[in-house]
């Protein structure tokens, strides 16, 4: 486990330069739906509180929202989390949040729970 004194409380790295495009993750989403749908549809045991994470969704939340639309065909109650390093991008995505779709500021270390907050 990484000690918190060695971990920044702010996300580290640089925002991407804007490669976000509609259907950018369509092939990956469809691969999961075709070959491993149980990863999305199981709700037993360890899967009871599972969620899909779009780490570094980019300029806008479209990849997170598109994946949510596709994956919820297999599991309508699947929780979706979009994580982005740029606070302005997170703020812009928040109007799209609902009971099963969430957005937060962070990076991979924040996501692993090594740091309580990344703001």
N, C-alpha and C. Protein backbone atom coordinates (compact mmCIF):
# COMPACT_ATOMS: atom_id res chain seq x y z
N UNK A 1 0.84 -1.18 0.00
CA UNK A 1 0.00 0.00 0.00
C UNK A 1 0.89 1.25 0.00
N UNK A 2 0.52 2.20 -0.79
CA UNK A 2 1.26 3.45 -0.88
C UNK A 2 0.88 4.33 0.31
N UNK A 3 1.85 4.85 0.97
CA UNK A 3 1.57 5.74 2.09
C UNK A 3 1.10 7.09 1.56
N UNK A 4 0.10 7.65 2.24
CA UNK A 4 -0.50 8.90 1.76
C UNK A 4 0.50 10.06 1.73
N UNK A 5 1.55 10.02 2.53
CA UNK A 5 2.50 11.13 2.50
C UNK A 5 3.31 11.15 1.21
N UNK A 6 3.33 10.06 0.47
CA UNK A 6 4.04 10.00 -0.80
C UNK A 6 3.12 10.28 -1.99
N UNK A 7 1.84 10.43 -1.74
CA UNK A 7 0.86 10.59 -2.80
C UNK A 7 0.30 12.00 -2.77
N UNK A 8 0.29 12.65 -3.91
CA UNK A 8 -0.31 13.97 -4.01
C UNK A 8 -1.80 13.88 -3.76
N UNK A 9 -2.37 14.87 -3.12
CA UNK A 9 -3.81 14.90 -2.91
C UNK A 9 -4.54 15.49 -4.10
N UNK A 10 -3.81 15.87 -5.11
CA UNK A 10 -4.38 16.39 -6.36
C UNK A 10 -4.05 15.42 -7.47
N UNK A 11 -4.92 15.29 -8.46
CA UNK A 11 -4.59 14.41 -9.58
C UNK A 11 -3.29 14.83 -10.24
N UNK A 12 -2.52 13.85 -10.66
CA UNK A 12 -1.26 14.15 -11.32
C UNK A 12 -1.37 13.86 -12.81
N UNK A 13 -0.65 14.63 -13.61
CA UNK A 13 -0.65 14.43 -15.05
C UNK A 13 -1.19 15.64 -15.77
N UNK A 14 -1.37 15.49 -17.06
CA UNK A 14 -1.86 16.57 -17.91
C UNK A 14 -3.14 16.13 -18.62
N UNK A 15 -4.10 17.03 -18.77
CA UNK A 15 -5.29 16.68 -19.54
C UNK A 15 -4.91 16.31 -20.98
N UNK A 16 -5.69 15.43 -21.56
CA UNK A 16 -5.44 15.05 -22.95
C UNK A 16 -5.70 16.22 -23.87
N UNK A 17 -5.24 16.10 -25.09
CA UNK A 17 -5.34 17.23 -26.02
C UNK A 17 -6.59 17.21 -26.88
N UNK A 18 -7.56 16.39 -26.52
CA UNK A 18 -8.84 16.48 -27.21
C UNK A 18 -9.08 15.44 -28.29
N UNK A 19 -8.82 14.17 -28.00
CA UNK A 19 -9.11 13.09 -28.95
C UNK A 19 -10.50 12.50 -28.75
N UNK A 20 -11.28 13.08 -27.86
CA UNK A 20 -12.62 12.58 -27.60
C UNK A 20 -13.45 12.71 -28.88
N UNK A 21 -14.08 11.61 -29.26
CA UNK A 21 -14.93 11.61 -30.45
C UNK A 21 -16.09 10.64 -30.22
N UNK A 22 -17.19 10.90 -30.87
CA UNK A 22 -18.33 10.00 -30.76
C UNK A 22 -17.93 8.60 -31.20
N UNK A 23 -18.42 7.62 -30.47
CA UNK A 23 -18.20 6.20 -30.76
C UNK A 23 -16.74 5.77 -30.69
N UNK A 24 -15.91 6.53 -29.99
CA UNK A 24 -14.49 6.19 -29.89
C UNK A 24 -14.28 4.83 -29.22
N UNK A 25 -15.12 4.48 -28.24
CA UNK A 25 -14.96 3.21 -27.53
C UNK A 25 -15.98 2.16 -27.97
N UNK A 26 -16.69 2.41 -29.05
CA UNK A 26 -17.75 1.51 -29.51
C UNK A 26 -17.26 0.08 -29.69
N UNK A 27 -16.12 -0.10 -30.33
CA UNK A 27 -15.61 -1.46 -30.57
C UNK A 27 -15.26 -2.18 -29.27
N UNK A 28 -14.65 -1.47 -28.35
CA UNK A 28 -14.32 -2.08 -27.06
C UNK A 28 -15.60 -2.43 -26.30
N UNK A 29 -16.55 -1.51 -26.27
CA UNK A 29 -17.82 -1.76 -25.60
C UNK A 29 -18.52 -2.98 -26.21
N UNK A 30 -18.58 -3.03 -27.52
CA UNK A 30 -19.24 -4.14 -28.19
C UNK A 30 -18.50 -5.47 -27.97
N UNK A 31 -17.18 -5.43 -27.88
CA UNK A 31 -16.40 -6.63 -27.59
C UNK A 31 -16.80 -7.18 -26.21
N UNK A 32 -16.86 -6.31 -25.23
CA UNK A 32 -17.24 -6.75 -23.88
C UNK A 32 -18.67 -7.31 -23.89
N UNK A 33 -19.58 -6.62 -24.56
CA UNK A 33 -20.96 -7.09 -24.63
C UNK A 33 -21.08 -8.43 -25.34
N UNK A 34 -20.26 -8.66 -26.34
CA UNK A 34 -20.33 -9.90 -27.11
C UNK A 34 -19.64 -11.07 -26.42
N UNK A 35 -18.45 -10.83 -25.87
CA UNK A 35 -17.64 -11.93 -25.36
C UNK A 35 -17.64 -12.09 -23.85
N UNK A 36 -17.94 -11.06 -23.09
CA UNK A 36 -17.94 -11.13 -21.63
C UNK A 36 -19.13 -10.37 -21.03
N UNK A 37 -20.35 -10.63 -21.49
CA UNK A 37 -21.48 -9.86 -20.97
C UNK A 37 -21.71 -10.06 -19.48
N UNK A 38 -21.26 -11.19 -18.94
CA UNK A 38 -21.47 -11.43 -17.51
C UNK A 38 -20.70 -10.43 -16.64
N UNK A 39 -19.62 -9.84 -17.20
CA UNK A 39 -18.91 -8.80 -16.44
C UNK A 39 -19.83 -7.62 -16.13
N UNK A 40 -20.80 -7.41 -16.99
CA UNK A 40 -21.72 -6.29 -16.83
C UNK A 40 -23.05 -6.67 -16.19
N UNK A 41 -23.47 -7.92 -16.40
CA UNK A 41 -24.81 -8.31 -15.97
C UNK A 41 -24.86 -9.00 -14.62
N UNK A 42 -23.75 -9.52 -14.12
CA UNK A 42 -23.76 -10.21 -12.84
C UNK A 42 -24.02 -9.23 -11.70
N UNK A 43 -24.81 -9.67 -10.75
CA UNK A 43 -25.10 -8.85 -9.59
C UNK A 43 -24.97 -9.66 -8.29
N UNK A 44 -24.31 -10.81 -8.36
CA UNK A 44 -24.15 -11.67 -7.19
C UNK A 44 -22.73 -11.57 -6.64
N UNK A 45 -22.56 -12.01 -5.40
CA UNK A 45 -21.23 -12.10 -4.81
C UNK A 45 -20.43 -10.82 -4.91
N UNK A 46 -19.23 -10.94 -5.46
CA UNK A 46 -18.34 -9.77 -5.60
C UNK A 46 -18.87 -8.73 -6.57
N UNK A 47 -19.84 -9.09 -7.38
CA UNK A 47 -20.37 -8.18 -8.39
C UNK A 47 -21.53 -7.33 -7.88
N UNK A 48 -21.94 -7.51 -6.64
CA UNK A 48 -23.12 -6.83 -6.12
C UNK A 48 -22.99 -5.30 -6.17
N UNK A 49 -21.81 -4.77 -5.96
CA UNK A 49 -21.60 -3.32 -6.00
C UNK A 49 -20.63 -2.91 -7.10
N UNK A 50 -20.58 -3.69 -8.17
CA UNK A 50 -19.62 -3.39 -9.24
C UNK A 50 -20.05 -2.16 -10.04
N UNK A 51 -19.08 -1.58 -10.73
CA UNK A 51 -19.36 -0.45 -11.57
C UNK A 51 -18.35 -0.42 -12.71
N UNK A 52 -18.71 0.27 -13.77
CA UNK A 52 -17.83 0.47 -14.90
C UNK A 52 -17.16 1.83 -14.72
N UNK A 53 -15.85 1.89 -14.94
CA UNK A 53 -15.10 3.13 -14.79
C UNK A 53 -14.51 3.54 -16.13
N UNK A 54 -14.79 4.76 -16.53
CA UNK A 54 -14.16 5.36 -17.71
C UNK A 54 -13.10 6.32 -17.17
N UNK A 55 -11.86 5.85 -17.13
CA UNK A 55 -10.76 6.62 -16.56
C UNK A 55 -10.17 7.52 -17.63
N UNK A 56 -10.30 8.82 -17.45
CA UNK A 56 -9.80 9.78 -18.42
C UNK A 56 -10.71 9.90 -19.61
N UNK A 57 -11.97 10.29 -19.36
CA UNK A 57 -12.96 10.32 -20.44
C UNK A 57 -12.72 11.41 -21.47
N UNK A 58 -11.90 12.40 -21.15
CA UNK A 58 -11.50 13.36 -22.17
C UNK A 58 -12.23 14.69 -22.13
N UNK A 59 -12.24 15.34 -23.28
CA UNK A 59 -12.74 16.71 -23.41
C UNK A 59 -14.17 16.87 -22.90
N UNK A 60 -15.02 15.90 -23.20
CA UNK A 60 -16.37 15.92 -22.66
C UNK A 60 -16.75 14.50 -22.25
N UNK A 61 -17.89 14.35 -21.64
CA UNK A 61 -18.30 13.07 -21.05
C UNK A 61 -18.90 12.09 -22.04
N UNK A 62 -18.77 12.35 -23.31
CA UNK A 62 -19.47 11.52 -24.29
C UNK A 62 -19.08 10.05 -24.24
N UNK A 63 -17.80 9.71 -24.04
CA UNK A 63 -17.44 8.29 -24.01
C UNK A 63 -18.08 7.59 -22.81
N UNK A 64 -18.11 8.25 -21.67
CA UNK A 64 -18.75 7.68 -20.49
C UNK A 64 -20.23 7.46 -20.74
N UNK A 65 -20.88 8.45 -21.31
CA UNK A 65 -22.32 8.36 -21.54
C UNK A 65 -22.66 7.34 -22.62
N UNK A 66 -21.84 7.24 -23.66
CA UNK A 66 -22.08 6.23 -24.70
C UNK A 66 -21.88 4.82 -24.15
N UNK A 67 -20.84 4.61 -23.37
CA UNK A 67 -20.62 3.30 -22.76
C UNK A 67 -21.78 2.95 -21.83
N UNK A 68 -22.24 3.93 -21.07
CA UNK A 68 -23.38 3.70 -20.18
C UNK A 68 -24.60 3.23 -20.96
N UNK A 69 -24.88 3.87 -22.06
CA UNK A 69 -26.03 3.51 -22.89
C UNK A 69 -25.89 2.08 -23.41
N UNK A 70 -24.72 1.73 -23.88
CA UNK A 70 -24.50 0.37 -24.40
C UNK A 70 -24.55 -0.68 -23.29
N UNK A 71 -23.84 -0.43 -22.21
CA UNK A 71 -23.71 -1.43 -21.15
C UNK A 71 -25.01 -1.63 -20.38
N UNK A 72 -25.83 -0.62 -20.33
CA UNK A 72 -27.09 -0.77 -19.59
C UNK A 72 -28.11 -1.61 -20.35
N UNK A 73 -27.80 -2.00 -21.57
CA UNK A 73 -28.63 -3.00 -22.24
C UNK A 73 -28.45 -4.35 -21.54
N UNK A 74 -27.25 -4.61 -21.04
CA UNK A 74 -26.97 -5.86 -20.34
C UNK A 74 -27.35 -5.77 -18.86
N UNK A 75 -27.26 -4.57 -18.29
CA UNK A 75 -27.56 -4.38 -16.87
C UNK A 75 -28.08 -2.96 -16.66
N UNK A 76 -29.40 -2.78 -16.66
CA UNK A 76 -29.97 -1.43 -16.55
C UNK A 76 -29.58 -0.68 -15.28
N UNK A 77 -29.18 -1.39 -14.24
CA UNK A 77 -28.82 -0.71 -13.00
C UNK A 77 -27.31 -0.57 -12.81
N UNK A 78 -26.52 -0.88 -13.84
CA UNK A 78 -25.06 -0.78 -13.73
C UNK A 78 -24.64 0.65 -13.42
N UNK A 79 -23.82 0.79 -12.40
CA UNK A 79 -23.28 2.11 -12.06
C UNK A 79 -22.11 2.42 -12.98
N UNK A 80 -22.02 3.68 -13.39
CA UNK A 80 -20.98 4.14 -14.30
C UNK A 80 -20.27 5.32 -13.64
N UNK A 81 -18.94 5.28 -13.64
CA UNK A 81 -18.14 6.36 -13.06
C UNK A 81 -17.18 6.90 -14.10
N UNK A 82 -17.28 8.18 -14.38
CA UNK A 82 -16.33 8.86 -15.25
C UNK A 82 -15.33 9.62 -14.38
N UNK A 83 -14.04 9.34 -14.58
CA UNK A 83 -12.99 9.98 -13.80
C UNK A 83 -12.12 10.80 -14.75
N UNK A 84 -11.89 12.04 -14.40
CA UNK A 84 -11.10 12.93 -15.26
C UNK A 84 -10.16 13.76 -14.40
N UNK A 85 -9.03 14.11 -14.96
CA UNK A 85 -7.97 14.83 -14.26
C UNK A 85 -8.18 16.35 -14.26
N UNK A 86 -9.05 16.82 -15.15
CA UNK A 86 -9.28 18.25 -15.33
C UNK A 86 -10.61 18.65 -14.67
N UNK A 87 -10.53 19.52 -13.68
CA UNK A 87 -11.71 19.93 -12.92
C UNK A 87 -12.79 20.57 -13.80
N UNK A 88 -12.38 21.35 -14.77
CA UNK A 88 -13.37 21.99 -15.67
C UNK A 88 -14.16 20.94 -16.45
N UNK A 89 -13.50 19.87 -16.86
CA UNK A 89 -14.18 18.79 -17.59
C UNK A 89 -15.17 18.07 -16.67
N UNK A 90 -14.78 17.86 -15.43
CA UNK A 90 -15.68 17.22 -14.47
C UNK A 90 -16.89 18.11 -14.22
N UNK A 91 -16.65 19.39 -14.00
CA UNK A 91 -17.76 20.33 -13.78
C UNK A 91 -18.72 20.35 -14.97
N UNK A 92 -18.19 20.28 -16.18
CA UNK A 92 -19.04 20.28 -17.38
C UNK A 92 -19.85 18.99 -17.50
N UNK A 93 -19.35 17.89 -16.94
CA UNK A 93 -20.05 16.60 -17.02
C UNK A 93 -21.12 16.44 -15.95
N UNK A 94 -21.01 17.16 -14.85
CA UNK A 94 -21.93 16.97 -13.73
C UNK A 94 -23.41 17.09 -14.07
N UNK A 95 -23.83 17.94 -15.01
CA UNK A 95 -25.26 17.97 -15.35
C UNK A 95 -25.77 16.64 -15.92
N UNK A 96 -24.89 15.76 -16.38
CA UNK A 96 -25.29 14.46 -16.94
C UNK A 96 -25.34 13.36 -15.88
N UNK A 97 -24.93 13.69 -14.66
CA UNK A 97 -24.95 12.70 -13.58
C UNK A 97 -26.39 12.41 -13.16
N UNK A 98 -26.60 11.17 -12.70
CA UNK A 98 -27.90 10.78 -12.18
C UNK A 98 -27.69 9.71 -11.11
N UNK A 99 -28.71 8.94 -10.80
CA UNK A 99 -28.61 7.94 -9.73
C UNK A 99 -27.61 6.83 -10.03
N UNK A 100 -27.29 6.61 -11.29
CA UNK A 100 -26.37 5.52 -11.64
C UNK A 100 -25.17 5.98 -12.47
N UNK A 101 -25.09 7.26 -12.74
CA UNK A 101 -23.97 7.81 -13.50
C UNK A 101 -23.31 8.91 -12.68
N UNK A 102 -22.00 8.77 -12.47
CA UNK A 102 -21.26 9.68 -11.60
C UNK A 102 -20.01 10.20 -12.31
N UNK A 103 -19.57 11.37 -11.91
CA UNK A 103 -18.34 11.94 -12.44
C UNK A 103 -17.53 12.47 -11.26
N UNK A 104 -16.20 12.28 -11.33
CA UNK A 104 -15.36 12.80 -10.25
C UNK A 104 -13.99 13.17 -10.77
N UNK A 105 -13.39 14.07 -10.05
CA UNK A 105 -12.03 14.49 -10.32
C UNK A 105 -11.09 13.43 -9.77
N UNK A 106 -10.09 13.05 -10.53
CA UNK A 106 -9.14 12.08 -10.01
C UNK A 106 -8.21 11.54 -11.07
N UNK A 107 -7.39 10.60 -10.62
CA UNK A 107 -6.48 9.87 -11.48
C UNK A 107 -6.45 8.43 -11.00
N UNK A 108 -5.56 7.63 -11.51
CA UNK A 108 -5.53 6.22 -11.16
C UNK A 108 -5.27 6.01 -9.67
N UNK A 109 -4.38 6.79 -9.09
CA UNK A 109 -4.08 6.63 -7.66
C UNK A 109 -5.28 7.03 -6.81
N UNK A 110 -5.95 8.11 -7.17
CA UNK A 110 -7.16 8.50 -6.44
C UNK A 110 -8.23 7.42 -6.56
N UNK A 111 -8.34 6.85 -7.73
CA UNK A 111 -9.34 5.83 -8.00
C UNK A 111 -9.10 4.59 -7.14
N UNK A 112 -7.86 4.22 -6.93
CA UNK A 112 -7.53 3.06 -6.12
C UNK A 112 -7.80 3.29 -4.65
N UNK A 113 -8.15 4.50 -4.26
CA UNK A 113 -8.50 4.78 -2.89
C UNK A 113 -7.33 5.07 -1.98
N UNK A 114 -6.18 5.36 -2.55
CA UNK A 114 -5.02 5.66 -1.72
C UNK A 114 -5.15 7.03 -1.07
N UNK A 115 -5.94 7.89 -1.68
CA UNK A 115 -6.14 9.24 -1.19
C UNK A 115 -7.65 9.43 -1.05
N UNK A 116 -8.09 9.99 0.06
CA UNK A 116 -9.52 10.15 0.29
C UNK A 116 -10.18 11.08 -0.73
N UNK A 117 -9.54 12.21 -1.03
CA UNK A 117 -10.10 13.16 -1.98
C UNK A 117 -9.02 13.60 -2.95
N UNK A 118 -9.45 13.96 -4.12
CA UNK A 118 -8.53 14.49 -5.13
C UNK A 118 -9.07 15.82 -5.62
N UNK A 119 -9.05 16.77 -4.75
CA UNK A 119 -9.51 18.11 -5.15
C UNK A 119 -8.65 19.17 -4.55
